[in-house]
């Protein structure tokens, strides 16, 4: 049977050994029973009717004089119990919970937790025994008892009110663990039974969530845990982490929440990357609870963008965007845009989308908004989603006083790079709409004006002097480029047509550019070119004189 189980672990079929496990379980020898129950847990599950045949053997073994045989039966029941088997044996498990043997009690408590998860209706069978379990002195029994109560609260939230009466026991238990002296039996790196402390904190979190009176009873003990736990070892980190989660989930005092966020701030300065990741992940969940407390650690969070670990950078990036407001958007966006230069491709789409959203919500002025959007477009245009192109175009069209400025910047970017299609499409649209401003030089007055002149001084850029032919040369290069997508060519052809009413001296060249696409293989381009040529030939008399 042992060899068969090894074969099963290698992935080969071993179902033919199921009946043999039943024979071994029925054997009076402990070694046979141990191997039989192990085989049952590996080869049987509730989907196979054969597992019901061992119900009677389990019931008999639960009354065995040897505690280890009882433990085997409880362990197997917890692993493979079906609804029917749970109902048949729940009474036996409940009796064992009242045993004087700590070994049997803790095995029974874990088995009961599994039964409650499988059949929530049977929870009432075990509720009366929980008071005794939570009053035990044995740490192992306490730990399994708390696991059972936690499972009950999870499957049936209505039971929370019943278990809240045990909160003083939990508070006293946690206080004893914190104040206890050195105990070789429970000490882990100088901390008394951290496993039990973590379980108690988790149960307290469930009991205090949404209940103000219960939360108030926890405030003092949570503050003691947060201040007295050694944070130099991983064991202390785990307890402090659970403490922070508990503080943030219950209705705790504001000072306690600040203390919890400061603990996470210390985690951010830890040399262990796992600890830093946990801190960032928790701060991301916490920012909605106490925004101002998290805001104090903004500089440390931004420093995490320079980490070599990709997971830490991702969480730091998400948290940075969550902290953006009108007061700090310049500082945060400066760091984020610097990170954009060296970010991996999978980050650039996220940064582009969230930068545009943040700039839309919190921009200090229109000029800064446009500068940020154009910077993102130039640095990560290829990673933008298609719908963002329409959003940017709509935003640019509404900034009447800055049309010349953004057209200048986009034209310069277009002459330097025609490979990023979203950038090219926005730039082509701007040139088509406001190309006359490139030639007339009206942009000079626009750059110098505006009510935010002092803040915008840094963003001044030299005005580019261009001619009509230079603008058309760039558009023609885009039309002929193999990198241009069909949508980009359509944008370009539209812009060329718009410029026919703005560039008075280049009309013959514009007509020639449009007519050359009348036989194009792309049906959309061909249709547009033919229709525009028809406008030139039949309705040219409607053209207004360009001034």
Protein backbone atom coordinates (compact mmCIF):
# COMPACT_ATOMS: atom_id res chain seq x y z
CA UNK A 1 0.00 0.00 0.00
CA UNK A 2 2.88 2.37 0.79
CA UNK A 3 4.34 1.78 -2.68
CA UNK A 4 0.90 2.31 -4.24
CA UNK A 5 0.57 5.68 -2.50
CA UNK A 6 3.98 6.66 -3.82
CA UNK A 7 2.85 5.72 -7.34
CA UNK A 8 -0.27 7.85 -6.78
CA UNK A 9 1.90 10.81 -5.76
CA UNK A 10 3.79 10.46 -9.05
CA UNK A 11 0.51 10.98 -10.89
CA UNK A 12 -0.34 7.43 -11.95
CA UNK A 13 -3.84 5.93 -11.39
CA UNK A 14 -4.14 4.05 -8.11
CA UNK A 15 -7.92 3.82 -7.64
CA UNK A 16 -7.76 0.02 -7.64
CA UNK A 17 -6.27 0.18 -4.13
CA UNK A 18 -9.30 1.81 -2.52
CA UNK A 19 -10.73 -1.42 -1.11
CA UNK A 20 -7.35 -2.33 0.38
CA UNK A 21 -7.43 0.87 2.43
CA UNK A 22 -10.69 -0.31 4.02
CA UNK A 23 -9.07 -3.60 5.02
CA UNK A 24 -6.13 -1.83 6.61
CA UNK A 25 -8.41 0.56 8.54
CA UNK A 26 -10.31 -2.44 9.95
CA UNK A 27 -7.05 -4.04 11.13
CA UNK A 28 -6.41 -4.00 14.93
CA UNK A 29 -2.75 -3.01 14.44
CA UNK A 30 -1.91 0.72 14.74
CA UNK A 31 0.66 0.64 11.91
CA UNK A 32 -1.98 -0.82 9.55
CA UNK A 33 -4.58 1.72 10.62
CA UNK A 34 -2.16 4.59 10.09
CA UNK A 35 -1.36 3.47 6.54
CA UNK A 36 -5.02 2.69 5.83
CA UNK A 37 -6.24 6.12 6.93
CA UNK A 38 -3.43 7.78 4.98
CA UNK A 39 -4.47 5.83 1.88
CA UNK A 40 -8.13 6.76 2.45
CA UNK A 41 -7.26 10.46 2.66
CA UNK A 42 -5.24 10.26 -0.57
CA UNK A 43 -7.36 7.89 -2.68
CA UNK A 44 -10.91 8.61 -1.50
CA UNK A 45 -13.09 11.71 -1.53
CA UNK A 46 -16.75 12.50 -1.12
CA UNK A 47 -17.46 11.98 -4.83
CA UNK A 48 -16.90 8.24 -4.46
CA UNK A 49 -19.57 6.23 -2.66
CA UNK A 50 -17.01 3.74 -1.36
CA UNK A 51 -15.82 6.20 1.28
CA UNK A 52 -19.14 5.81 3.13
CA UNK A 53 -18.10 2.22 3.94
CA UNK A 54 -15.45 3.42 6.41
CA UNK A 55 -17.98 5.42 8.48
CA UNK A 56 -18.52 2.56 10.92
CA UNK A 57 -14.76 1.95 11.28
CA UNK A 58 -14.27 5.63 12.08
CA UNK A 59 -17.03 5.54 14.68
CA UNK A 60 -15.45 2.55 16.37
CA UNK A 61 -11.96 4.07 16.28
CA UNK A 62 -13.26 7.27 17.90
CA UNK A 63 -13.93 5.18 21.00
CA UNK A 64 -10.54 3.47 20.92
CA UNK A 65 -8.44 3.43 24.07
CA UNK A 66 -5.31 4.62 22.22
CA UNK A 67 -5.44 8.39 21.66
CA UNK A 68 -3.43 8.18 18.44
CA UNK A 69 -6.00 5.87 16.84
CA UNK A 70 -8.71 8.37 17.80
CA UNK A 71 -6.56 11.11 16.25
CA UNK A 72 -6.24 9.15 12.99
CA UNK A 73 -10.01 8.74 12.71
CA UNK A 74 -10.64 12.47 13.39
CA UNK A 75 -7.96 13.52 10.92
CA UNK A 76 -9.40 11.30 8.18
CA UNK A 77 -12.94 12.48 8.86
CA UNK A 78 -11.85 16.10 8.55
CA UNK A 79 -10.16 15.38 5.22
CA UNK A 80 -12.78 13.32 3.35
CA UNK A 81 -16.08 13.95 5.14
CA UNK A 82 -19.19 14.22 3.00
CA UNK A 83 -22.45 15.81 4.16
CA UNK A 84 -23.91 12.40 5.01
CA UNK A 85 -20.81 11.25 6.91
CA UNK A 86 -20.68 14.59 8.79
CA UNK A 87 -24.25 14.18 10.00
CA UNK A 88 -23.58 10.58 11.09
CA UNK A 89 -20.45 11.34 13.09
CA UNK A 90 -20.95 14.93 14.33
CA UNK A 91 -22.31 13.60 17.65
CA UNK A 92 -19.19 11.52 18.22
CA UNK A 93 -16.95 14.51 17.47
CA UNK A 94 -18.96 16.67 19.90
CA UNK A 95 -18.42 14.09 22.70
CA UNK A 96 -14.70 14.05 22.02
CA UNK A 97 -14.58 17.85 22.36
CA UNK A 98 -15.46 17.33 26.03
CA UNK A 99 -12.60 14.88 26.58
CA UNK A 100 -9.99 15.54 29.26
CA UNK A 101 -7.21 14.57 26.84
CA UNK A 102 -5.78 17.74 25.18
CA UNK A 103 -4.49 15.72 22.19
CA UNK A 104 -7.96 14.36 21.40
CA UNK A 105 -9.66 17.74 22.03
CA UNK A 106 -7.49 19.64 19.57
CA UNK A 107 -7.94 16.97 16.89
CA UNK A 108 -11.70 17.04 17.48
CA UNK A 109 -11.83 20.85 17.31
CA UNK A 110 -10.12 20.91 13.90
CA UNK A 111 -12.39 18.12 12.66
CA UNK A 112 -15.44 20.08 13.92
CA UNK A 113 -14.24 23.18 12.02
CA UNK A 114 -14.11 21.13 8.83
CA UNK A 115 -17.60 19.70 9.46
CA UNK A 116 -19.00 23.21 10.10
CA UNK A 117 -17.49 24.39 6.82
CA UNK A 118 -18.99 21.42 5.00
CA UNK A 119 -22.43 21.43 6.69
CA UNK A 120 -23.15 24.83 8.32
CA UNK A 121 -26.41 23.46 9.77
CA UNK A 122 -24.39 21.31 12.20
CA UNK A 123 -22.84 24.38 13.83
CA UNK A 124 -25.42 24.28 16.63
CA UNK A 125 -24.05 20.89 17.73
CA UNK A 126 -20.66 22.40 18.60
CA UNK A 127 -21.59 25.89 19.89
CA UNK A 128 -22.10 24.78 23.57
CA UNK A 129 -18.55 23.38 23.74
CA UNK A 130 -16.84 26.58 22.54
CA UNK A 131 -17.00 28.28 25.98
CA UNK A 132 -15.02 25.42 27.52
CA UNK A 133 -12.49 25.47 24.65
CA UNK A 134 -11.85 29.21 25.06
CA UNK A 135 -11.31 28.78 28.80
CA UNK A 136 -8.58 26.14 28.49
CA UNK A 137 -5.05 26.71 29.73
CA UNK A 138 -3.44 24.49 27.11
CA UNK A 139 -2.27 26.68 24.21
CA UNK A 140 -2.80 24.00 21.57
CA UNK A 141 -6.42 23.51 22.66
CA UNK A 142 -6.94 27.29 22.74
CA UNK A 143 -5.54 27.60 19.23
CA UNK A 144 -7.81 24.92 17.76
CA UNK A 145 -10.79 26.26 19.71
CA UNK A 146 -10.26 29.71 18.22
CA UNK A 147 -10.01 28.12 14.76
CA UNK A 148 -13.40 26.48 15.35
CA UNK A 149 -15.04 29.73 16.52
CA UNK A 150 -13.51 31.64 13.58
CA UNK A 151 -14.94 29.08 11.14
CA UNK A 152 -18.38 29.38 12.78
CA UNK A 153 -18.31 33.19 12.46
CA UNK A 154 -17.26 32.89 8.82
CA UNK A 155 -20.01 30.49 7.71
CA UNK A 156 -22.72 32.12 9.83
CA UNK A 157 -22.29 35.89 10.48
CA UNK A 158 -25.39 35.79 12.72
CA UNK A 159 -23.32 33.92 15.31
CA UNK A 160 -21.02 36.95 15.79
CA UNK A 161 -23.39 38.42 18.37
CA UNK A 162 -23.24 35.21 20.43
CA UNK A 163 -19.44 35.04 20.39
CA UNK A 164 -18.95 38.73 21.24
CA UNK A 165 -19.67 37.81 24.88
CA UNK A 166 -16.34 35.90 24.87
CA UNK A 167 -14.35 39.05 23.98
CA UNK A 168 -13.15 39.66 27.58
CA UNK A 169 -11.67 36.14 27.53
CA UNK A 170 -9.83 36.92 24.28
CA UNK A 171 -8.56 40.26 25.59
CA UNK A 172 -7.31 38.64 28.79
CA UNK A 173 -5.71 35.82 26.81
CA UNK A 174 -3.87 38.27 24.52
CA UNK A 175 -2.73 40.41 27.46
CA UNK A 176 -1.30 37.34 29.22
CA UNK A 177 0.60 36.40 26.08
CA UNK A 178 2.12 39.88 25.77
CA UNK A 179 3.07 40.22 29.42
CA UNK A 180 4.16 36.59 29.91
CA UNK A 181 7.76 35.94 30.75
CA UNK A 182 10.04 33.54 28.94
CA UNK A 183 8.45 30.12 28.36
CA UNK A 184 10.61 27.59 26.48
CA UNK A 185 7.50 25.66 25.45
CA UNK A 186 5.90 28.59 23.62
CA UNK A 187 8.74 31.04 22.91
CA UNK A 188 9.56 31.84 19.26
CA UNK A 189 12.42 34.36 18.91
CA UNK A 190 11.51 36.06 22.17
CA UNK A 191 7.75 36.24 21.54
CA UNK A 192 5.29 34.07 23.43
CA UNK A 193 3.23 31.81 21.13
CA UNK A 194 2.91 34.09 18.06
CA UNK A 195 0.62 31.55 16.36
CA UNK A 196 -1.98 31.91 19.10
CA UNK A 197 -1.62 35.71 19.12
CA UNK A 198 -2.27 35.89 15.38
CA UNK A 199 -5.37 33.68 15.67
CA UNK A 200 -6.74 35.74 18.55
CA UNK A 201 -6.22 38.97 16.60
CA UNK A 202 -8.02 37.55 13.57
CA UNK A 203 -11.02 36.50 15.67
CA UNK A 204 -11.09 39.89 17.39
CA UNK A 205 -11.12 41.55 13.98
CA UNK A 206 -14.19 39.57 12.98
CA UNK A 207 -15.98 40.29 16.26
CA UNK A 208 -15.23 44.02 16.25
CA UNK A 209 -16.07 44.77 12.64
CA UNK A 210 -19.18 46.95 12.47
CA UNK A 211 -19.74 46.99 16.26
CA UNK A 212 -18.70 50.17 18.10
CA UNK A 213 -18.98 48.83 21.67
CA UNK A 214 -16.93 45.72 20.92
CA UNK A 215 -14.33 47.83 19.09
CA UNK A 216 -13.99 50.14 22.08
CA UNK A 217 -13.18 47.17 24.33
CA UNK A 218 -10.29 46.24 22.04
CA UNK A 219 -8.58 49.64 21.73
CA UNK A 220 -6.35 49.35 24.79
CA UNK A 221 -5.11 45.82 24.17
CA UNK A 222 -4.44 46.57 20.48
CA UNK A 223 -2.37 49.60 21.48
CA UNK A 224 -0.40 47.42 23.90
CA UNK A 225 0.28 44.81 21.21
CA UNK A 226 1.34 47.49 18.73
CA UNK A 227 3.78 49.14 21.17
CA UNK A 228 5.17 46.10 23.03
CA UNK A 229 5.83 43.71 20.13
CA UNK A 230 9.42 43.47 18.95
CA UNK A 231 9.55 44.38 15.25
CA UNK A 232 13.14 43.32 14.62
CA UNK A 233 12.19 39.72 13.74
CA UNK A 234 9.78 38.20 11.24
CA UNK A 235 7.71 36.78 14.11
CA UNK A 236 7.04 40.30 15.37
CA UNK A 237 6.18 41.46 11.84
CA UNK A 238 3.44 38.84 11.55
CA UNK A 239 1.81 39.93 14.83
CA UNK A 240 2.10 43.63 14.00
CA UNK A 241 0.63 42.98 10.56
CA UNK A 242 -2.43 41.26 12.06
CA UNK A 243 -2.71 44.07 14.60
CA UNK A 244 -2.75 46.69 11.83
CA UNK A 245 -5.44 44.80 9.92
CA UNK A 246 -7.53 44.51 13.08
CA UNK A 247 -7.19 48.22 13.89
CA UNK A 248 -8.20 49.21 10.37
CA UNK A 249 -11.15 46.83 10.13
CA UNK A 250 -12.82 47.68 13.45
CA UNK A 251 -14.16 51.09 14.50
CA UNK A 252 -10.98 52.09 16.30
CA UNK A 253 -9.87 55.49 17.56
CA UNK A 254 -8.14 57.85 15.14
CA UNK A 255 -4.93 57.83 17.19
CA UNK A 256 -4.83 54.04 17.00
CA UNK A 257 -5.21 54.17 13.22
CA UNK A 258 -2.32 56.61 12.98
CA UNK A 259 -0.24 54.20 15.07
CA UNK A 260 -1.15 51.36 12.69
CA UNK A 261 -0.15 53.37 9.62
CA UNK A 262 3.14 54.34 11.30
CA UNK A 263 3.86 50.64 11.84
CA UNK A 264 3.40 50.10 8.10
CA UNK A 265 5.67 53.08 7.51
CA UNK A 266 8.39 51.30 9.53
CA UNK A 267 7.79 48.20 7.43
CA UNK A 268 8.54 50.27 4.30
CA UNK A 269 12.03 51.00 5.67
CA UNK A 270 12.74 47.33 6.34
CA UNK A 271 15.50 45.63 4.36
CA UNK A 272 13.32 42.57 3.71
CA UNK A 273 11.45 42.94 0.41
CA UNK A 274 8.64 40.70 1.56
CA UNK A 275 7.97 43.01 4.51
CA UNK A 276 8.00 46.07 2.23
CA UNK A 277 5.56 44.40 -0.17
CA UNK A 278 3.19 43.52 2.67
CA UNK A 279 3.36 47.14 3.89
CA UNK A 280 2.53 48.58 0.47
CA UNK A 281 -0.28 46.08 -0.05
CA UNK A 282 -1.80 46.92 3.34
CA UNK A 283 -1.41 50.68 2.86
CA UNK A 284 -3.29 50.33 -0.41
CA UNK A 285 -6.20 48.80 1.51
CA UNK A 286 -5.83 51.34 4.31
CA UNK A 287 -5.74 54.54 2.26
CA UNK A 288 -9.54 54.66 2.04
CA UNK A 289 -9.83 54.39 5.86
CA UNK A 290 -7.26 57.03 6.92
CA UNK A 291 -6.05 58.96 3.90
CA UNK A 292 -4.12 61.65 5.82
CA UNK A 293 -2.15 59.16 7.91
CA UNK A 294 -0.98 57.30 4.79
CA UNK A 295 -0.17 60.62 3.11
CA UNK A 296 2.60 61.25 5.66
CA UNK A 297 4.60 58.37 4.18
CA UNK A 298 4.31 59.60 0.59
CA UNK A 299 8.04 60.20 0.09
CA UNK A 300 8.92 56.69 1.29
CA UNK A 301 6.27 55.21 -1.01
CA UNK A 302 7.64 57.16 -3.99
CA UNK A 303 11.14 55.89 -3.19
CA UNK A 304 9.80 52.34 -3.66
CA UNK A 305 9.36 53.14 -7.37
CA UNK A 306 13.15 52.80 -7.63
CA UNK A 307 13.11 49.25 -6.22
CA UNK A 308 14.50 46.43 -8.34
CA UNK A 309 11.64 44.11 -7.34
CA UNK A 310 8.82 44.38 -9.89
CA UNK A 311 6.08 43.46 -7.39
CA UNK A 312 7.10 46.26 -5.03
CA UNK A 313 7.19 48.77 -7.89
CA UNK A 314 3.71 47.75 -9.00
CA UNK A 315 2.22 48.19 -5.51
CA UNK A 316 4.08 51.49 -5.00
CA UNK A 317 2.72 52.74 -8.30
CA UNK A 318 -0.87 51.83 -7.41
CA UNK A 319 -0.50 53.46 -4.00
CA UNK A 320 1.05 56.62 -5.49
CA UNK A 321 -1.98 57.15 -7.71
CA UNK A 322 -4.29 56.49 -4.76
CA UNK A 323 -2.57 59.31 -2.81
CA UNK A 324 -2.85 61.95 -5.53
CA UNK A 325 -4.73 65.14 -4.65
CA UNK A 326 -4.65 68.80 -5.71
CA UNK A 327 -1.88 69.64 -3.24
CA UNK A 328 0.63 66.94 -4.16
CA UNK A 329 -0.15 66.11 -7.77
CA UNK A 330 2.88 68.03 -9.09
CA UNK A 331 5.30 66.13 -6.81
CA UNK A 332 3.80 62.69 -7.39
CA UNK A 333 3.39 63.07 -11.14
CA UNK A 334 6.99 64.25 -11.45
CA UNK A 335 8.19 61.01 -9.85
CA UNK A 336 5.72 58.87 -11.81
CA UNK A 337 6.71 60.42 -15.15
CA UNK A 338 10.40 59.92 -14.29
CA UNK A 339 9.59 56.27 -13.57
CA UNK A 340 7.76 56.07 -16.91
CA UNK A 341 11.09 56.53 -18.73
CA UNK A 342 12.51 53.30 -17.27
CA UNK A 343 9.31 51.34 -16.62
CA UNK A 344 8.69 47.91 -18.13
CA UNK A 345 6.13 47.73 -20.98
CA UNK A 346 3.51 46.12 -18.74
CA UNK A 347 3.58 49.20 -16.47
CA UNK A 348 3.30 51.83 -19.19
CA UNK A 349 -0.33 51.22 -20.09
CA UNK A 350 -1.32 51.42 -16.39
CA UNK A 351 0.70 54.61 -15.87
CA UNK A 352 -0.69 56.26 -19.00
CA UNK A 353 -4.31 55.54 -18.11
CA UNK A 354 -4.04 56.55 -14.45
CA UNK A 355 -1.95 59.64 -15.18
CA UNK A 356 -4.65 60.97 -17.50
CA UNK A 357 -7.36 60.23 -14.92
CA UNK A 358 -5.36 61.92 -12.12
CA UNK A 359 -4.59 64.96 -14.26
CA UNK A 360 -8.26 65.28 -15.21
CA UNK A 361 -9.37 65.23 -11.56
CA UNK A 362 -6.65 67.20 -9.78
CA UNK A 363 -4.77 69.39 -12.29
CA UNK A 364 -3.90 72.82 -10.78
CA UNK A 365 -4.43 74.61 -14.12
CA UNK A 366 -5.13 73.94 -17.78
CA UNK A 367 -1.53 74.52 -18.89
CA UNK A 368 -0.16 71.93 -16.46
CA UNK A 369 -2.94 69.52 -17.46
CA UNK A 370 -1.99 69.77 -21.14
CA UNK A 371 1.74 69.49 -20.40
CA UNK A 372 1.20 66.31 -18.39
CA UNK A 373 -1.10 64.70 -20.96
CA UNK A 374 1.31 65.50 -23.80
CA UNK A 375 4.31 64.21 -21.82
CA UNK A 376 2.52 60.91 -21.17
CA UNK A 377 1.50 60.76 -24.83
CA UNK A 378 5.08 61.32 -26.02
CA UNK A 379 6.65 58.86 -23.56
CA UNK A 380 4.08 56.04 -23.68
CA UNK A 381 1.91 56.70 -26.71
CA UNK A 382 2.22 53.17 -28.03
CA UNK A 383 0.80 51.74 -24.81
CA UNK A 384 -2.33 53.88 -24.67
CA UNK A 385 -5.76 52.41 -25.15
CA UNK A 386 -7.59 53.53 -28.28
CA UNK A 387 -10.42 55.25 -26.39
CA UNK A 388 -7.91 57.54 -24.63
CA UNK A 389 -7.10 59.13 -27.99
CA UNK A 390 -10.67 60.43 -28.24
CA UNK A 391 -10.54 61.63 -24.62
CA UNK A 392 -7.33 63.60 -25.24
CA UNK A 393 -8.71 65.14 -28.43
CA UNK A 394 -11.87 66.25 -26.60
CA UNK A 395 -9.77 67.78 -23.80
CA UNK A 396 -7.51 69.68 -26.23
CA UNK A 397 -10.45 71.04 -28.18
CA UNK A 398 -11.86 72.65 -25.01
CA UNK A 399 -8.71 74.65 -24.11
CA UNK A 400 -9.33 77.65 -26.38
CA UNK A 401 -6.44 79.77 -25.07
CA UNK A 402 -3.84 77.02 -25.54
CA UNK A 403 -4.58 75.67 -29.01
CA UNK A 404 -1.41 77.14 -30.47
CA UNK A 405 0.72 75.88 -27.60
CA UNK A 406 -0.37 72.25 -27.70
CA UNK A 407 -0.28 72.24 -31.52
CA UNK A 408 3.34 73.43 -31.38
CA UNK A 409 4.33 70.68 -28.92
CA UNK A 410 2.52 67.98 -30.84
CA UNK A 411 4.02 69.10 -34.15
CA UNK A 412 7.55 68.92 -32.72
CA UNK A 413 6.81 65.46 -31.29
CA UNK A 414 5.38 64.35 -34.65
CA UNK A 415 8.49 65.41 -36.55
CA UNK A 416 10.65 63.42 -34.10
CA UNK A 417 8.57 60.22 -33.90
CA UNK A 418 5.86 58.83 -36.18
CA UNK A 419 5.97 55.28 -34.81
CA UNK A 420 3.60 55.77 -31.82
CA UNK A 421 0.18 55.64 -33.40
CA UNK A 422 -1.87 57.29 -30.60
CA UNK A 423 0.64 60.17 -30.48
CA UNK A 424 0.55 60.52 -34.27
CA UNK A 425 -3.25 60.49 -34.36
CA UNK A 426 -3.60 63.23 -31.73
CA UNK A 427 -0.85 65.31 -33.35
CA UNK A 428 -2.38 64.92 -36.81
CA UNK A 429 -5.78 65.96 -35.49
CA UNK A 430 -4.28 69.08 -33.84
CA UNK A 431 -2.39 70.06 -36.99
CA UNK A 432 -5.55 69.66 -39.06
CA UNK A 433 -7.62 71.77 -36.66
CA UNK A 434 -5.08 74.47 -35.80
CA UNK A 435 -2.40 74.19 -38.51
CA UNK A 436 -2.80 77.86 -39.42
CA UNK A 437 -1.50 78.78 -35.90
CA UNK A 438 1.76 76.99 -36.68
CA UNK A 439 2.32 79.26 -39.67
CA UNK A 440 1.00 82.58 -38.31
CA UNK A 441 2.95 82.41 -35.03
CA UNK A 442 -0.04 83.25 -32.83
CA UNK A 443 1.27 80.68 -30.36
CA UNK A 444 3.80 83.21 -29.01
CA UNK A 445 1.08 85.31 -27.42
CA UNK A 446 -0.70 82.26 -26.07
CA UNK A 447 2.39 80.87 -24.36
CA UNK A 448 3.07 84.15 -22.64
CA UNK A 449 -0.51 84.64 -21.39
CA UNK A 450 -2.71 82.99 -18.84
CA UNK A 451 -3.42 83.55 -15.16
CA UNK A 452 -0.89 80.87 -14.05
CA UNK A 453 2.02 82.57 -15.80
CA UNK A 454 4.51 82.15 -12.94
CA UNK A 455 3.82 78.41 -12.56
CA UNK A 456 3.93 77.89 -16.30
CA UNK A 457 7.26 79.68 -16.79
CA UNK A 458 9.11 76.37 -16.46
CA UNK A 459 7.00 74.88 -19.22
CA UNK A 460 7.89 77.57 -21.80
CA UNK A 461 9.28 76.18 -25.00
CA UNK A 462 10.83 77.85 -27.99
CA UNK A 463 8.30 78.57 -30.73
CA UNK A 464 8.93 76.61 -33.92
CA UNK A 465 8.67 78.59 -37.16
CA UNK A 466 7.25 76.47 -39.98
CA UNK A 467 5.89 76.98 -43.47
CA UNK A 468 2.85 75.44 -45.09
CA UNK A 469 5.04 73.15 -47.17
CA UNK A 470 6.89 71.89 -44.10
CA UNK A 471 3.61 70.95 -42.42
CA UNK A 472 2.41 69.15 -45.55
CA UNK A 473 5.76 67.36 -45.83
CA UNK A 474 5.24 65.88 -42.35
CA UNK A 475 1.68 64.81 -43.18
CA UNK A 476 2.81 63.22 -46.43
CA UNK A 477 5.55 61.34 -44.58
CA UNK A 478 2.92 59.93 -42.20
CA UNK A 479 0.67 58.89 -45.11
CA UNK A 480 3.50 57.05 -46.81
CA UNK A 481 5.05 55.50 -43.70
CA UNK A 482 4.68 51.69 -43.41
CA UNK A 483 4.37 52.18 -39.64
CA UNK A 484 1.11 54.10 -40.02
CA UNK A 485 -2.05 52.13 -39.30
CA UNK A 486 -5.17 52.48 -41.51
CA UNK A 487 -6.80 54.60 -38.79
CA UNK A 488 -3.76 56.93 -38.71
CA UNK A 489 -3.90 57.38 -42.49
CA UNK A 490 -7.59 58.24 -42.22
CA UNK A 491 -6.80 60.86 -39.57
CA UNK A 492 -4.08 62.27 -41.84
CA UNK A 493 -6.27 62.45 -44.94
CA UNK A 494 -8.93 64.28 -42.93
CA UNK A 495 -6.34 66.74 -41.64
CA UNK A 496 -5.01 67.39 -45.14
CA UNK A 497 -8.56 68.17 -46.24
CA UNK A 498 -9.09 70.54 -43.29
CA UNK A 499 -5.87 72.39 -44.16
CA UNK A 500 -7.25 73.14 -47.63
CA UNK A 501 -9.34 75.87 -45.99
CA UNK A 502 -6.43 77.13 -43.85
CA UNK A 503 -3.42 76.95 -46.22
CA UNK A 504 -4.41 79.21 -49.13
CA UNK A 505 -1.11 79.02 -51.06
CA UNK A 506 -0.80 75.21 -50.90
CA UNK A 507 -4.20 74.29 -52.33
CA UNK A 508 -2.85 72.62 -55.55
CA UNK A 509 -0.52 70.41 -53.55
CA UNK A 510 -3.32 69.46 -51.14
CA UNK A 511 -5.58 68.49 -54.05
CA UNK A 512 -2.81 66.34 -55.53
CA UNK A 513 -2.21 64.60 -52.17
CA UNK A 514 -5.91 63.81 -51.77
CA UNK A 515 -6.50 62.66 -55.33
CA UNK A 516 -3.54 60.25 -55.19
CA UNK A 517 -5.57 58.07 -52.78
CA UNK A 518 -8.58 57.78 -55.10
CA UNK A 519 -7.38 54.32 -56.19
CA UNK A 520 -6.02 53.13 -52.86
CA UNK A 521 -6.51 49.48 -51.87
CA UNK A 522 -7.94 50.58 -48.51
CA UNK A 523 -11.65 51.09 -49.19
CA UNK A 524 -12.08 53.63 -46.41
CA UNK A 525 -9.19 55.78 -47.65
CA UNK A 526 -10.35 55.44 -51.24
CA UNK A 527 -13.91 56.50 -50.37
CA UNK A 528 -12.74 59.51 -48.40
CA UNK A 529 -10.34 60.60 -51.15
CA UNK A 530 -13.04 60.33 -53.85
CA UNK A 531 -15.54 62.28 -51.75
CA UNK A 532 -13.00 65.01 -50.97
CA UNK A 533 -12.06 65.28 -54.65
CA UNK A 534 -15.76 65.68 -55.44
CA UNK A 535 -15.92 68.56 -52.96
CA UNK A 536 -12.93 70.20 -54.66
CA UNK A 537 -14.43 69.86 -58.16
CA UNK A 538 -18.13 70.50 -57.57
CA UNK A 539 -18.35 72.66 -54.47
CA UNK A 540 -15.12 74.67 -54.50
CA UNK A 541 -17.13 77.85 -54.99
CA UNK A 542 -18.44 77.49 -51.42
CA UNK A 543 -14.94 77.84 -49.95
CA UNK A 544 -14.51 80.96 -47.82
CA UNK A 545 -11.46 83.12 -48.40
CA UNK A 546 -8.75 82.22 -45.91
CA UNK A 547 -7.65 85.15 -43.82
